[in-house]
Amino acid sequence: MPAGAPPSIRRISEQHDKVMDRSKVAKEGIAKQGDAAIMYGGMESYHAMCRFYSGFFYKHELLAKYEWYWRLEPEIKYFCDITYDPFLKMIDSNKTYGFTIAVKELKETVPNIFRYASAYKRVNNITSQGLWEMFVEPPPEEPKDVPEDDPNYKRPLPEEILRGDPSRASLPEIDPEAMEGEKYNMCHFWSNFEIARLSWFRSKEYEDFFPNDGSLTILQWGDAPIHSLAAGALLAPRDIHYFRDFGYRHTTIQHCPANAPARQRAREPYLEKTTLDEKKRKEEDEYWDNWDPVKENGVGCRCRCDTDIVDVEGKQGSCLAEWVDVAGGWASP
């Protein structure tokens, strides 16, 4: 949308039959999740939201004339000055999808989703371009042979004894969440912030990936793991951009970079227009005029981070290490 252009607002009807599955089976599935105390599982509105953002938002009439979208949620915070146009950044770098937070999903909210995505890859003869591995648990390490002169060496039991072991004759247990020898590590791009080409969502490949069998309603698959696994199947690391220089917070998860050394320029005062109280407007501007100190390897611009939450990059449950592995470094390839 050009600067200064009037906004367009539409309400998504709760009765939109294509968005929400209102069958008896779907209602029973939602009620069952509520009884199981799965987060948001019993909320029909949450299921509708996930379904809308998974397979319908990019078809809305208001977005028909646009090539890109940037998702903005209520009650979010940005901590840094954004001094460039992220859409132009994506275009110039030939990117398709941009994220700022990657975390692990709650396992109970995505039953069978990985098996579904893996089957989609197999049926369509899709070979990973390097991003799929971000969402797959690494294979277990093979046990290494210990030399006989090693103090930890244990002589193997004689074959005649091993033949009497009943466990050797049993089949290995089947992992219900595994598929094609792979298992989902629960990683996903947190889709409450995403910048993406709408043509990718509108593509036949993504449309074919979108489940129309009721899974989104009955099982509560979120739009974030759907977007992420679709990207893993259809895109390469070079198609993804990590907006590491964006400071962003949603609920209790936050990413906020350190400020870049020798790159912080003086800031022009900006009295935002949504606060009518003139004193509060000036206090707000003074707050942002005192940004955090610069640090080595910092990438932010005039960031002032909330200090009540540890950055997600350094927390358990973050998937930035998995991103680094497939991207070959912190920066986007």
C-alpha atoms as a PDB file:
ATOM      1  CA  MET A   1       0.000   0.000   0.000  1.00  0.00           C
ATOM      2  CA  PRO A   2       1.542   3.372  -0.966  1.00  0.00           C
ATOM      3  CA  ALA A   3       2.339   5.772   1.872  1.00  0.00           C
ATOM      4  CA  GLY A   4      -0.689   7.880   2.686  1.00  0.00           C
ATOM      5  CA  ALA A   5      -3.113   5.582   0.869  1.00  0.00           C
ATOM      6  CA  PRO A   6      -6.461   5.123   2.638  1.00  0.00           C
ATOM      7  CA  PRO A   7      -6.806   1.776   4.434  1.00  0.00           C
ATOM      8  CA  SER A   8      -9.374  -0.793   3.331  1.00  0.00           C
ATOM      9  CA  ILE A   9     -11.195  -2.726   6.046  1.00  0.00           C
ATOM     10  CA  ARG A  10     -13.480  -5.727   5.747  1.00  0.00           C
ATOM     11  CA  ARG A  11     -15.019  -8.081   8.297  1.00  0.00           C
ATOM     12  CA  ILE A  12     -14.585 -11.827   7.837  1.00  0.00           C
ATOM     13  CA  SER A  13     -18.041 -13.281   8.348  1.00  0.00           C
ATOM     14  CA  GLU A  14     -18.253 -15.928  11.040  1.00  0.00           C
ATOM     15  CA  GLN A  15     -20.727 -17.735   8.789  1.00  0.00           C
ATOM     16  CA  HIS A  16     -18.253 -18.132   5.929  1.00  0.00           C
ATOM     17  CA  ASP A  17     -18.866 -21.812   5.212  1.00  0.00           C
ATOM     18  CA  LYS A  18     -15.663 -22.223   3.224  1.00  0.00           C
ATOM     19  CA  VAL A  19     -13.569 -21.038   6.154  1.00  0.00           C
ATOM     20  CA  MET A  20     -15.200 -23.016   8.947  1.00  0.00           C
ATOM     21  CA  ASP A  21     -16.194 -26.661   8.841  1.00  0.00           C
ATOM     22  CA  ARG A  22     -19.508 -26.812  10.701  1.00  0.00           C
ATOM     23  CA  SER A  23     -20.103 -30.523  10.393  1.00  0.00           C
ATOM     24  CA  LYS A  24     -21.043 -32.639  13.393  1.00  0.00           C
ATOM     25  CA  VAL A  25     -17.681 -34.423  13.201  1.00  0.00           C
ATOM     26  CA  ALA A  26     -15.833 -31.091  13.333  1.00  0.00           C
ATOM     27  CA  LYS A  27     -17.834 -29.866  16.312  1.00  0.00           C
ATOM     28  CA  GLU A  28     -17.194 -33.131  18.150  1.00  0.00           C
ATOM     29  CA  GLY A  29     -13.477 -32.848  17.378  1.00  0.00           C
ATOM     30  CA  ILE A  30     -13.331 -29.326  18.799  1.00  0.00           C
ATOM     31  CA  ALA A  31     -15.243 -30.357  21.921  1.00  0.00           C
ATOM     32  CA  LYS A  32     -12.906 -33.314  22.422  1.00  0.00           C
ATOM     33  CA  GLN A  33      -9.856 -31.029  22.290  1.00  0.00           C
ATOM     34  CA  GLY A  34     -11.468 -28.731  24.817  1.00  0.00           C
ATOM     35  CA  ASP A  35     -12.092 -31.669  27.139  1.00  0.00           C
ATOM     36  CA  ALA A  36      -8.429 -32.669  26.758  1.00  0.00           C
ATOM     37  CA  ALA A  37      -7.351 -29.138  27.839  1.00  0.00           C
ATOM     38  CA  ILE A  38      -5.395 -28.580  24.614  1.00  0.00           C
ATOM     39  CA  MET A  39      -4.500 -24.897  24.333  1.00  0.00           C
ATOM     40  CA  TYR A  40      -7.291 -23.117  22.386  1.00  0.00           C
ATOM     41  CA  GLY A  41      -8.509 -26.575  21.370  1.00  0.00           C
ATOM     42  CA  GLY A  42     -12.087 -26.005  22.472  1.00  0.00           C
ATOM     43  CA  MET A  43     -12.418 -22.585  20.806  1.00  0.00           C
ATOM     44  CA  GLU A  44     -14.240 -22.768  17.483  1.00  0.00           C
ATOM     45  CA  SER A  45     -13.120 -19.215  16.687  1.00  0.00           C
ATOM     46  CA  TYR A  46      -9.467 -20.217  17.029  1.00  0.00           C
ATOM     47  CA  HIS A  47      -9.949 -23.138  14.646  1.00  0.00           C
ATOM     48  CA  ALA A  48     -11.601 -20.755  12.170  1.00  0.00           C
ATOM     49  CA  MET A  49      -8.688 -18.320  12.436  1.00  0.00           C
ATOM     50  CA  CYS A  50      -6.124 -21.078  11.793  1.00  0.00           C
ATOM     51  CA  ARG A  51      -8.093 -22.295   8.799  1.00  0.00           C
ATOM     52  CA  PHE A  52      -8.497 -18.767   7.396  1.00  0.00           C
ATOM     53  CA  TYR A  53      -4.782 -17.959   7.638  1.00  0.00           C
ATOM     54  CA  SER A  54      -3.824 -21.372   6.277  1.00  0.00           C
ATOM     55  CA  GLY A  55      -5.845 -21.459   3.097  1.00  0.00           C
ATOM     56  CA  PHE A  56      -8.101 -18.449   2.565  1.00  0.00           C
ATOM     57  CA  PHE A  57      -6.605 -15.070   3.485  1.00  0.00           C
ATOM     58  CA  TYR A  58      -4.657 -14.762   0.230  1.00  0.00           C
ATOM     59  CA  LYS A  59      -7.868 -15.282  -1.772  1.00  0.00           C
ATOM     60  CA  HIS A  60      -9.683 -12.389  -0.105  1.00  0.00           C
ATOM     61  CA  GLU A  61     -10.899  -9.702  -2.480  1.00  0.00           C
ATOM     62  CA  LEU A  62      -8.960  -6.973  -0.662  1.00  0.00           C
ATOM     63  CA  LEU A  63      -5.661  -8.726  -1.384  1.00  0.00           C
ATOM     64  CA  ALA A  64      -6.409  -9.547  -5.017  1.00  0.00           C
ATOM     65  CA  LYS A  65      -4.402  -6.590  -6.351  1.00  0.00           C
ATOM     66  CA  TYR A  66      -1.380  -7.106  -4.089  1.00  0.00           C
ATOM     67  CA  GLU A  67       1.771  -9.149  -4.644  1.00  0.00           C
ATOM     68  CA  TRP A  68       3.067  -9.077  -1.049  1.00  0.00           C
ATOM     69  CA  TYR A  69       1.666  -9.093   2.449  1.00  0.00           C
ATOM     70  CA  TRP A  70       2.962  -8.331   5.941  1.00  0.00           C
ATOM     71  CA  ARG A  71       0.945  -9.837   8.745  1.00  0.00           C
ATOM     72  CA  LEU A  72       0.308  -7.554  11.720  1.00  0.00           C
ATOM     73  CA  GLU A  73      -1.395  -8.915  14.825  1.00  0.00           C
ATOM     74  CA  PRO A  74      -3.063  -7.025  17.697  1.00  0.00           C
ATOM     75  CA  GLU A  75      -1.007  -6.408  20.844  1.00  0.00           C
ATOM     76  CA  ILE A  76       2.411  -6.800  19.249  1.00  0.00           C
ATOM     77  CA  LYS A  77       5.479  -4.639  19.830  1.00  0.00           C
ATOM     78  CA  TYR A  78       8.299  -3.539  17.553  1.00  0.00           C
ATOM     79  CA  PHE A  79      11.479  -2.393  19.284  1.00  0.00           C
ATOM     80  CA  CYS A  80      13.736  -1.099  16.503  1.00  0.00           C
ATOM     81  CA  ASP A  81      13.599   1.541  13.810  1.00  0.00           C
ATOM     82  CA  ILE A  82      12.943  -0.045  10.427  1.00  0.00           C
ATOM     83  CA  THR A  83      14.936   2.160   8.086  1.00  0.00           C
ATOM     84  CA  TYR A  84      14.297   0.323   4.825  1.00  0.00           C
ATOM     85  CA  ASP A  85      11.365  -1.083   2.903  1.00  0.00           C
ATOM     86  CA  PRO A  86      11.179  -4.816   3.767  1.00  0.00           C
ATOM     87  CA  PHE A  87       9.192  -5.525   0.611  1.00  0.00           C
ATOM     88  CA  LEU A  88      11.940  -4.051  -1.567  1.00  0.00           C
ATOM     89  CA  LYS A  89      14.475  -6.032   0.468  1.00  0.00           C
ATOM     90  CA  MET A  90      12.592  -9.240  -0.314  1.00  0.00           C
ATOM     91  CA  ILE A  91      12.242  -8.340  -3.996  1.00  0.00           C
ATOM     92  CA  ASP A  92      15.885  -7.311  -4.433  1.00  0.00           C
ATOM     93  CA  SER A  93      17.054 -10.512  -2.718  1.00  0.00           C
ATOM     94  CA  ASN A  94      14.569 -12.683  -4.651  1.00  0.00           C
ATOM     95  CA  LYS A  95      13.017 -14.013  -1.442  1.00  0.00           C
ATOM     96  CA  THR A  96       9.614 -15.629  -1.018  1.00  0.00           C
ATOM     97  CA  TYR A  97       9.040 -15.831   2.737  1.00  0.00           C
ATOM     98  CA  GLY A  98      10.374 -13.805   5.667  1.00  0.00           C
ATOM     99  CA  PHE A  99      10.282 -14.521   9.415  1.00  0.00           C
ATOM    100  CA  THR A 100      11.677 -13.125  12.641  1.00  0.00           C
ATOM    101  CA  ILE A 101      10.932 -15.904  15.187  1.00  0.00           C
ATOM    102  CA  ALA A 102      11.164 -19.686  14.809  1.00  0.00           C
ATOM    103  CA  VAL A 103      10.071 -21.843  17.736  1.00  0.00           C
ATOM    104  CA  LYS A 104       8.774 -25.317  18.542  1.00  0.00           C
ATOM    105  CA  GLU A 105       5.078 -26.131  18.371  1.00  0.00           C
ATOM    106  CA  LEU A 106       3.064 -27.820  21.117  1.00  0.00           C
ATOM    107  CA  LYS A 107       3.059 -31.476  20.101  1.00  0.00           C
ATOM    108  CA  GLU A 108      -0.549 -32.121  21.081  1.00  0.00           C
ATOM    109  CA  THR A 109      -1.800 -29.458  18.623  1.00  0.00           C
ATOM    110  CA  VAL A 110      -0.320 -31.035  15.481  1.00  0.00           C
ATOM    111  CA  PRO A 111      -1.026 -34.785  15.506  1.00  0.00           C
ATOM    112  CA  ASN A 112      -0.238 -36.430  12.152  1.00  0.00           C
ATOM    113  CA  ILE A 113       0.683 -33.146  10.457  1.00  0.00           C
ATOM    114  CA  PHE A 114       4.192 -34.324   9.622  1.00  0.00           C
ATOM    115  CA  ARG A 115       2.921 -37.594   8.199  1.00  0.00           C
ATOM    116  CA  TYR A 116       0.531 -35.579   6.040  1.00  0.00           C
ATOM    117  CA  ALA A 117       3.307 -33.267   4.791  1.00  0.00           C
ATOM    118  CA  SER A 118       5.702 -36.142   4.170  1.00  0.00           C
ATOM    119  CA  ALA A 119       3.038 -38.038   2.213  1.00  0.00           C
ATOM    120  CA  TYR A 120       2.459 -34.914   0.102  1.00  0.00           C
ATOM    121  CA  LYS A 121       6.161 -34.867  -0.754  1.00  0.00           C
ATOM    122  CA  ARG A 122       6.164 -38.547  -1.669  1.00  0.00           C
ATOM    123  CA  VAL A 123       2.984 -38.482  -3.785  1.00  0.00           C
ATOM    124  CA  ASN A 124       4.229 -35.455  -5.726  1.00  0.00           C
ATOM    125  CA  ASN A 125       7.808 -36.759  -6.086  1.00  0.00           C
ATOM    126  CA  ILE A 126       9.209 -33.690  -4.325  1.00  0.00           C
ATOM    127  CA  THR A 127      12.872 -33.688  -3.360  1.00  0.00           C
ATOM    128  CA  SER A 128      14.045 -31.402  -0.567  1.00  0.00           C
ATOM    129  CA  GLN A 129      15.884 -28.267  -1.662  1.00  0.00           C
ATOM    130  CA  GLY A 130      17.541 -28.027   1.744  1.00  0.00           C
ATOM    131  CA  LEU A 131      14.839 -26.396   3.876  1.00  0.00           C
ATOM    132  CA  TRP A 132      12.888 -29.551   4.779  1.00  0.00           C
ATOM    133  CA  GLU A 133      15.757 -30.640   7.029  1.00  0.00           C
ATOM    134  CA  MET A 134      15.077 -27.675   9.317  1.00  0.00           C
ATOM    135  CA  PHE A 135      11.875 -29.408  10.425  1.00  0.00           C
ATOM    136  CA  VAL A 136      13.226 -32.939  10.800  1.00  0.00           C
ATOM    137  CA  GLU A 137      14.858 -34.485  13.845  1.00  0.00           C
ATOM    138  CA  PRO A 138      18.480 -35.428  13.105  1.00  0.00           C
ATOM    139  CA  PRO A 139      19.018 -39.175  12.725  1.00  0.00           C
ATOM    140  CA  PRO A 140      20.354 -40.913  15.841  1.00  0.00           C
ATOM    141  CA  GLU A 141      24.091 -41.404  15.884  1.00  0.00           C
ATOM    142  CA  GLU A 142      25.248 -44.915  15.159  1.00  0.00           C
ATOM    143  CA  PRO A 143      27.066 -46.495  18.115  1.00  0.00           C
ATOM    144  CA  LYS A 144      30.797 -46.416  17.609  1.00  0.00           C
ATOM    145  CA  ASP A 145      32.925 -49.521  17.968  1.00  0.00           C
ATOM    146  CA  VAL A 146      35.139 -49.330  21.044  1.00  0.00           C
ATOM    147  CA  PRO A 147      38.687 -50.663  20.550  1.00  0.00           C
ATOM    148  CA  GLU A 148      39.508 -53.731  22.623  1.00  0.00           C
ATOM    149  CA  ASP A 149      42.325 -51.895  24.400  1.00  0.00           C
ATOM    150  CA  ASP A 150      39.901 -49.157  25.538  1.00  0.00           C
ATOM    151  CA  PRO A 151      39.036 -49.285  29.299  1.00  0.00           C
ATOM    152  CA  ASN A 152      35.327 -49.010  28.359  1.00  0.00           C
ATOM    153  CA  TYR A 153      35.458 -52.013  26.031  1.00  0.00           C
ATOM    154  CA  LYS A 154      32.934 -54.734  26.821  1.00  0.00           C
ATOM    155  CA  ARG A 155      33.273 -58.134  25.236  1.00  0.00           C
ATOM    156  CA  PRO A 156      30.071 -59.033  23.330  1.00  0.00           C
ATOM    157  CA  LEU A 157      27.978 -61.913  24.555  1.00  0.00           C
ATOM    158  CA  PRO A 158      28.393 -65.202  22.709  1.00  0.00           C
ATOM    159  CA  GLU A 159      25.973 -65.740  19.815  1.00  0.00           C
ATOM    160  CA  GLU A 160      24.415 -68.805  21.464  1.00  0.00           C
ATOM    161  CA  ILE A 161      23.333 -66.615  24.396  1.00  0.00           C
ATOM    162  CA  LEU A 162      22.044 -63.830  22.145  1.00  0.00           C
ATOM    163  CA  ARG A 163      19.948 -66.320  20.197  1.00  0.00           C
ATOM    164  CA  GLY A 164      18.003 -67.010  23.370  1.00  0.00           C
ATOM    165  CA  ASP A 165      17.124 -63.316  23.870  1.00  0.00           C
ATOM    166  CA  PRO A 166      13.371 -62.984  23.088  1.00  0.00           C
ATOM    167  CA  SER A 167      13.736 -59.275  22.252  1.00  0.00           C
ATOM    168  CA  ARG A 168      15.860 -60.105  19.200  1.00  0.00           C
ATOM    169  CA  ALA A 169      12.942 -61.849  17.524  1.00  0.00           C
ATOM    170  CA  SER A 170      10.459 -59.001  18.059  1.00  0.00           C
ATOM    171  CA  LEU A 171       9.825 -56.288  15.486  1.00  0.00           C
ATOM    172  CA  PRO A 172      10.908 -52.731  16.374  1.00  0.00           C
ATOM    173  CA  GLU A 173       8.164 -50.484  17.704  1.00  0.00           C
ATOM    174  CA  ILE A 174       6.455 -48.286  15.119  1.00  0.00           C
ATOM    175  CA  ASP A 175       6.614 -44.565  15.858  1.00  0.00           C
ATOM    176  CA  PRO A 176       3.131 -43.161  15.080  1.00  0.00           C
ATOM    177  CA  GLU A 177       4.580 -39.714  14.338  1.00  0.00           C
ATOM    178  CA  ALA A 178       7.366 -40.832  11.995  1.00  0.00           C
ATOM    179  CA  MET A 179       7.145 -41.034   8.207  1.00  0.00           C
ATOM    180  CA  GLU A 180       9.639 -42.132   5.569  1.00  0.00           C
ATOM    181  CA  GLY A 181      12.189 -42.686   8.339  1.00  0.00           C
ATOM    182  CA  GLU A 182      11.858 -39.057   9.480  1.00  0.00           C
ATOM    183  CA  LYS A 183      10.233 -37.400  12.475  1.00  0.00           C
ATOM    184  CA  TYR A 184       8.964 -33.836  12.976  1.00  0.00           C
ATOM    185  CA  ASN A 185      11.038 -31.780  15.417  1.00  0.00           C
ATOM    186  CA  MET A 186       8.089 -29.384  15.999  1.00  0.00           C
ATOM    187  CA  CYS A 187       9.937 -26.368  14.556  1.00  0.00           C
ATOM    188  CA  HIS A 188       7.968 -23.719  12.682  1.00  0.00           C
ATOM    189  CA  PHE A 189       8.191 -20.101  11.627  1.00  0.00           C
ATOM    190  CA  TRP A 190       5.963 -18.090  13.969  1.00  0.00           C
ATOM    191  CA  SER A 191       3.421 -16.813  11.478  1.00  0.00           C
ATOM    192  CA  ASN A 192       1.977 -13.937  13.515  1.00  0.00           C
ATOM    193  CA  PHE A 193       4.881 -12.122  11.872  1.00  0.00           C
ATOM    194  CA  GLU A 194       5.535 -13.050   8.279  1.00  0.00           C
ATOM    195  CA  ILE A 195       6.243 -11.183   5.061  1.00  0.00           C
ATOM    196  CA  ALA A 196       5.614 -13.233   1.953  1.00  0.00           C
ATOM    197  CA  ARG A 197       4.865 -13.310  -1.755  1.00  0.00           C
ATOM    198  CA  LEU A 198       1.170 -13.906  -2.204  1.00  0.00           C
ATOM    199  CA  SER A 199       1.887 -15.680  -5.491  1.00  0.00           C
ATOM    200  CA  TRP A 200       3.459 -18.525  -3.492  1.00  0.00           C
ATOM    201  CA  PHE A 201       0.314 -19.038  -1.416  1.00  0.00           C
ATOM    202  CA  ARG A 202      -1.773 -18.813  -4.592  1.00  0.00           C
ATOM    203  CA  SER A 203       0.361 -21.363  -6.425  1.00  0.00           C
ATOM    204  CA  LYS A 204      -1.021 -24.768  -7.391  1.00  0.00           C
ATOM    205  CA  GLU A 205       1.692 -26.426  -5.285  1.00  0.00           C
ATOM    206  CA  TYR A 206       0.601 -24.652  -2.094  1.00  0.00           C
ATOM    207  CA  GLU A 207      -3.088 -25.103  -2.897  1.00  0.00           C
ATOM    208  CA  ASP A 208      -2.497 -28.827  -3.327  1.00  0.00           C
ATOM    209  CA  PHE A 209      -0.668 -28.891   0.005  1.00  0.00           C
ATOM    210  CA  PHE A 210      -3.531 -27.197   1.866  1.00  0.00           C
ATOM    211  CA  PRO A 211      -5.592 -29.956   3.550  1.00  0.00           C
ATOM    212  CA  ASN A 212      -9.260 -29.989   2.607  1.00  0.00           C
ATOM    213  CA  ASP A 213     -10.131 -33.121   4.573  1.00  0.00           C
ATOM    214  CA  GLY A 214     -11.220 -31.385   7.778  1.00  0.00           C
ATOM    215  CA  SER A 215      -7.862 -31.825   9.529  1.00  0.00           C
ATOM    216  CA  LEU A 216      -7.560 -28.113  10.227  1.00  0.00           C
ATOM    217  CA  THR A 217     -10.840 -28.072  12.110  1.00  0.00           C
ATOM    218  CA  ILE A 218     -10.834 -31.453  13.783  1.00  0.00           C
ATOM    219  CA  LEU A 219      -7.132 -31.580  14.718  1.00  0.00           C
ATOM    220  CA  GLN A 220      -6.430 -27.865  15.192  1.00  0.00           C
ATOM    221  CA  TRP A 221      -3.397 -27.700  12.941  1.00  0.00           C
ATOM    222  CA  GLY A 222      -2.179 -24.123  13.156  1.00  0.00           C
ATOM    223  CA  ASP A 223      -1.375 -21.948  10.173  1.00  0.00           C
ATOM    224  CA  ALA A 224       2.237 -21.586  11.356  1.00  0.00           C
ATOM    225  CA  PRO A 225       3.226 -25.278  11.040  1.00  0.00           C
ATOM    226  CA  ILE A 226       1.231 -25.537   7.794  1.00  0.00           C
ATOM    227  CA  HIS A 227       3.058 -22.560   6.267  1.00  0.00           C
ATOM    228  CA  SER A 228       6.374 -23.887   7.582  1.00  0.00           C
ATOM    229  CA  LEU A 229       6.065 -27.478   6.376  1.00  0.00           C
ATOM    230  CA  ALA A 230       4.779 -26.255   3.018  1.00  0.00           C
ATOM    231  CA  ALA A 231       7.845 -24.019   2.784  1.00  0.00           C
ATOM    232  CA  GLY A 232      10.047 -26.934   3.804  1.00  0.00           C
ATOM    233  CA  ALA A 233       8.618 -29.051   1.003  1.00  0.00           C
ATOM    234  CA  LEU A 234       8.449 -26.391  -1.718  1.00  0.00           C
ATOM    235  CA  LEU A 235      11.143 -23.802  -0.992  1.00  0.00           C
ATOM    236  CA  ALA A 236      14.894 -23.642  -0.425  1.00  0.00           C
ATOM    237  CA  PRO A 237      16.837 -21.799   2.301  1.00  0.00           C
ATOM    238  CA  ARG A 238      17.793 -19.203  -0.318  1.00  0.00           C
ATOM    239  CA  ASP A 239      14.069 -18.346  -0.657  1.00  0.00           C
ATOM    240  CA  ILE A 240      13.755 -17.470   3.051  1.00  0.00           C
ATOM    241  CA  HIS A 241      14.797 -14.241   4.774  1.00  0.00           C
ATOM    242  CA  TYR A 242      15.430 -13.996   8.498  1.00  0.00           C
ATOM    243  CA  PHE A 243      14.618 -10.441   9.623  1.00  0.00           C
ATOM    244  CA  ARG A 244      17.087 -10.657  12.462  1.00  0.00           C
ATOM    245  CA  ASP A 245      17.374  -6.870  12.651  1.00  0.00           C
ATOM    246  CA  PHE A 246      13.669  -6.521  13.508  1.00  0.00           C
ATOM    247  CA  GLY A 247      12.821  -6.349  17.200  1.00  0.00           C
ATOM    248  CA  TYR A 248       9.462  -8.051  17.702  1.00  0.00           C
ATOM    249  CA  ARG A 249       7.306  -9.355  20.531  1.00  0.00           C
ATOM    250  CA  HIS A 250       4.022 -11.258  20.579  1.00  0.00           C
ATOM    251  CA  THR A 251       2.600 -12.437  23.913  1.00  0.00           C
ATOM    252  CA  THR A 252       5.558 -13.833  25.912  1.00  0.00           C
ATOM    253  CA  ILE A 253       7.964 -14.555  23.050  1.00  0.00           C
ATOM    254  CA  GLN A 254      10.371 -11.880  21.938  1.00  0.00           C
ATOM    255  CA  HIS A 255      13.257 -11.371  19.568  1.00  0.00           C
ATOM    256  CA  CYS A 256      15.139  -8.125  19.960  1.00  0.00           C
ATOM    257  CA  PRO A 257      18.636  -7.674  18.505  1.00  0.00           C
ATOM    258  CA  ALA A 258      21.518  -5.738  19.972  1.00  0.00           C
ATOM    259  CA  ASN A 259      22.272  -2.465  18.228  1.00  0.00           C
ATOM    260  CA  ALA A 260      24.927  -2.553  15.527  1.00  0.00           C
ATOM    261  CA  PRO A 261      28.273  -0.875  16.326  1.00  0.00           C
ATOM    262  CA  ALA A 262      29.167   2.317  14.417  1.00  0.00           C
ATOM    263  CA  ARG A 263      25.860   2.282  12.549  1.00  0.00           C
ATOM    264  CA  GLN A 264      23.513   4.231  14.840  1.00  0.00           C
ATOM    265  CA  ARG A 265      22.566   7.589  13.376  1.00  0.00           C
ATOM    266  CA  ALA A 266      20.790  10.444  15.102  1.00  0.00           C
ATOM    267  CA  ARG A 267      17.046  10.002  15.208  1.00  0.00           C
ATOM    268  CA  GLU A 268      14.529  12.554  13.995  1.00  0.00           C
ATOM    269  CA  PRO A 269      11.808  13.251  16.587  1.00  0.00           C
ATOM    270  CA  TYR A 270       8.567  11.472  15.753  1.00  0.00           C
ATOM    271  CA  LEU A 271       5.423  12.381  17.630  1.00  0.00           C
ATOM    272  CA  GLU A 272       3.025   9.587  16.718  1.00  0.00           C
ATOM    273  CA  LYS A 273      -0.554  10.605  16.061  1.00  0.00           C
ATOM    274  CA  THR A 274      -2.561   7.970  17.921  1.00  0.00           C
ATOM    275  CA  THR A 275      -1.872   9.468  21.372  1.00  0.00           C
ATOM    276  CA  LEU A 276      -3.880  12.634  21.906  1.00  0.00           C
ATOM    277  CA  ASP A 277      -2.190  13.650  25.163  1.00  0.00           C
ATOM    278  CA  GLU A 278       0.668  15.939  24.108  1.00  0.00           C
ATOM    279  CA  LYS A 279       2.728  15.199  27.238  1.00  0.00           C
ATOM    280  CA  LYS A 280       2.487  11.450  26.700  1.00  0.00           C
ATOM    281  CA  ARG A 281       3.423  11.861  23.046  1.00  0.00           C
ATOM    282  CA  LYS A 282       6.638  13.646  24.010  1.00  0.00           C
ATOM    283  CA  GLU A 283       7.421  11.106  26.742  1.00  0.00           C
ATOM    284  CA  GLU A 284       6.979   8.298  24.220  1.00  0.00           C
ATOM    285  CA  ASP A 285       9.336   9.978  21.775  1.00  0.00           C
ATOM    286  CA  GLU A 286      11.947  10.589  24.489  1.00  0.00           C
ATOM    287  CA  TYR A 287      11.721   6.925  25.498  1.00  0.00           C
ATOM    288  CA  TRP A 288      12.638   5.715  22.007  1.00  0.00           C
ATOM    289  CA  ASP A 289      15.315   8.401  21.673  1.00  0.00           C
ATOM    290  CA  ASN A 290      17.319   6.591  24.386  1.00  0.00           C
ATOM    291  CA  TRP A 291      18.016   3.315  22.655  1.00  0.00           C
ATOM    292  CA  ASP A 292      20.075   0.423  24.003  1.00  0.00           C
ATOM    293  CA  PRO A 293      23.903   0.487  23.870  1.00  0.00           C
ATOM    294  CA  VAL A 294      25.593  -1.035  20.838  1.00  0.00           C
ATOM    295  CA  LYS A 295      27.174  -4.474  21.142  1.00  0.00           C
ATOM    296  CA  GLU A 296      29.631  -6.488  19.110  1.00  0.00           C
ATOM    297  CA  ASN A 297      27.824  -8.460  16.383  1.00  0.00           C
ATOM    298  CA  GLY A 298      24.672  -6.407  16.910  1.00  0.00           C
ATOM    299  CA  VAL A 299      22.450  -5.902  13.871  1.00  0.00           C
ATOM    300  CA  GLY A 300      19.676  -3.637  15.189  1.00  0.00           C
ATOM    301  CA  CYS A 301      18.951   0.005  14.500  1.00  0.00           C
ATOM    302  CA  ARG A 302      18.060   2.186  17.487  1.00  0.00           C
ATOM    303  CA  CYS A 303      16.467  -0.759  19.322  1.00  0.00           C
ATOM    304  CA  ARG A 304      15.163  -0.490  22.859  1.00  0.00           C
ATOM    305  CA  CYS A 305      14.235  -3.975  24.022  1.00  0.00           C
ATOM    306  CA  ASP A 306      11.882  -5.042  26.777  1.00  0.00           C
ATOM    307  CA  THR A 307      13.976  -6.519  29.579  1.00  0.00           C
ATOM    308  CA  ASP A 308      11.344  -8.724  31.237  1.00  0.00           C
ATOM    309  CA  ILE A 309      11.749 -11.529  28.667  1.00  0.00           C
ATOM    310  CA  VAL A 310      14.868 -13.351  27.473  1.00  0.00           C
ATOM    311  CA  ASP A 311      15.421 -13.160  23.719  1.00  0.00           C
ATOM    312  CA  VAL A 312      14.063 -16.244  22.006  1.00  0.00           C
ATOM    313  CA  GLU A 313      17.390 -16.796  20.235  1.00  0.00           C
ATOM    314  CA  GLY A 314      18.912 -17.924  23.512  1.00  0.00           C
ATOM    315  CA  LYS A 315      15.976 -19.862  24.954  1.00  0.00           C
ATOM    316  CA  GLN A 316      15.107 -23.528  24.987  1.00  0.00           C
ATOM    317  CA  GLY A 317      12.451 -24.182  22.371  1.00  0.00           C
ATOM    318  CA  SER A 318      13.963 -21.821  19.823  1.00  0.00           C
ATOM    319  CA  CYS A 319      14.611 -23.195  16.338  1.00  0.00           C
ATOM    320  CA  LEU A 320      17.274 -20.710  15.292  1.00  0.00           C
ATOM    321  CA  ALA A 321      19.957 -23.397  15.565  1.00  0.00           C
ATOM    322  CA  GLU A 322      18.022 -25.479  13.032  1.00  0.00           C
ATOM    323  CA  TRP A 323      17.772 -22.427  10.758  1.00  0.00           C
ATOM    324  CA  VAL A 324      21.506 -21.796  11.026  1.00  0.00           C
ATOM    325  CA  ASP A 325      22.192 -25.411  10.064  1.00  0.00           C
ATOM    326  CA  VAL A 326      20.216 -25.243   6.814  1.00  0.00           C
ATOM    327  CA  ALA A 327      21.094 -21.631   5.967  1.00  0.00           C
ATOM    328  CA  GLY A 328      24.799 -21.992   6.655  1.00  0.00           C
ATOM    329  CA  GLY A 329      24.884 -19.084   9.106  1.00  0.00           C
ATOM    330  CA  TRP A 330      22.782 -16.469  10.870  1.00  0.00           C
ATOM    331  CA  ALA A 331      22.352 -14.342   7.777  1.00  0.00           C
ATOM    332  CA  SER A 332      19.955 -15.348   5.036  1.00  0.00           C
ATOM    333  CA  PRO A 333      21.681 -17.237   2.191  1.00  0.00           C
END
